[in-house]
């Protein structure tokens, strides 16, 4: 999915990398957030 600059990102939930907690993008509403996705190492993506 490609999103153009300035477009609001869709809400999503992911597991936190260091606990069993879930993190939802909408939980950061009103704060500046940088979202970056990188392919997992050695997956060919």
Protein backbone atom coordinates (compact mmCIF):
# COMPACT_ATOMS: atom_id res chain seq x y z
CA UNK A 1 0.00 0.00 0.00
CA UNK A 2 1.44 3.35 -0.98
CA UNK A 3 0.39 6.53 0.82
CA UNK A 4 1.12 9.98 -0.56
CA UNK A 5 2.95 12.53 1.61
CA UNK A 6 0.53 14.52 3.74
CA UNK A 7 -2.15 11.81 3.73
CA UNK A 8 -3.29 10.47 7.08
CA UNK A 9 -2.09 6.92 7.66
CA UNK A 10 -4.74 4.24 8.23
CA UNK A 11 -5.09 3.05 11.82
CA UNK A 12 -3.30 -0.20 12.63
CA UNK A 13 -2.21 -2.25 15.64
CA UNK A 14 1.09 -4.08 16.02
CA UNK A 15 2.77 -6.04 18.78
CA UNK A 16 5.43 -4.12 20.71
CA UNK A 17 8.93 -5.44 20.00
CA UNK A 18 9.89 -5.76 23.68
CA UNK A 19 6.70 -6.95 25.40
CA UNK A 20 3.35 -8.66 24.87
CA UNK A 21 1.59 -5.27 24.62
CA UNK A 22 -0.16 -4.03 21.50
CA UNK A 23 0.52 -0.57 20.07
CA UNK A 24 -2.16 1.20 18.00
CA UNK A 25 -1.39 4.20 15.79
CA UNK A 26 -4.53 6.02 16.93
CA UNK A 27 -3.13 5.92 20.49
CA UNK A 28 -0.67 8.61 19.38
CA UNK A 29 -3.34 10.99 18.04
CA UNK A 30 -2.31 14.63 18.46
CA UNK A 31 1.40 13.80 18.69
CA UNK A 32 4.03 13.74 15.97
CA UNK A 33 4.85 10.17 14.92
CA UNK A 34 7.29 8.76 12.38
CA UNK A 35 6.21 5.42 10.93
CA UNK A 36 8.84 3.42 9.05
CA UNK A 37 8.49 -0.10 7.70
CA UNK A 38 11.56 -2.11 6.71
CA UNK A 39 11.70 -5.58 5.20
CA UNK A 40 12.82 -8.30 7.56
CA UNK A 41 16.47 -9.21 7.03
CA UNK A 42 17.11 -11.94 4.47
CA UNK A 43 13.49 -12.23 3.32
CA UNK A 44 14.18 -11.01 -0.20
CA UNK A 45 11.72 -8.14 0.25
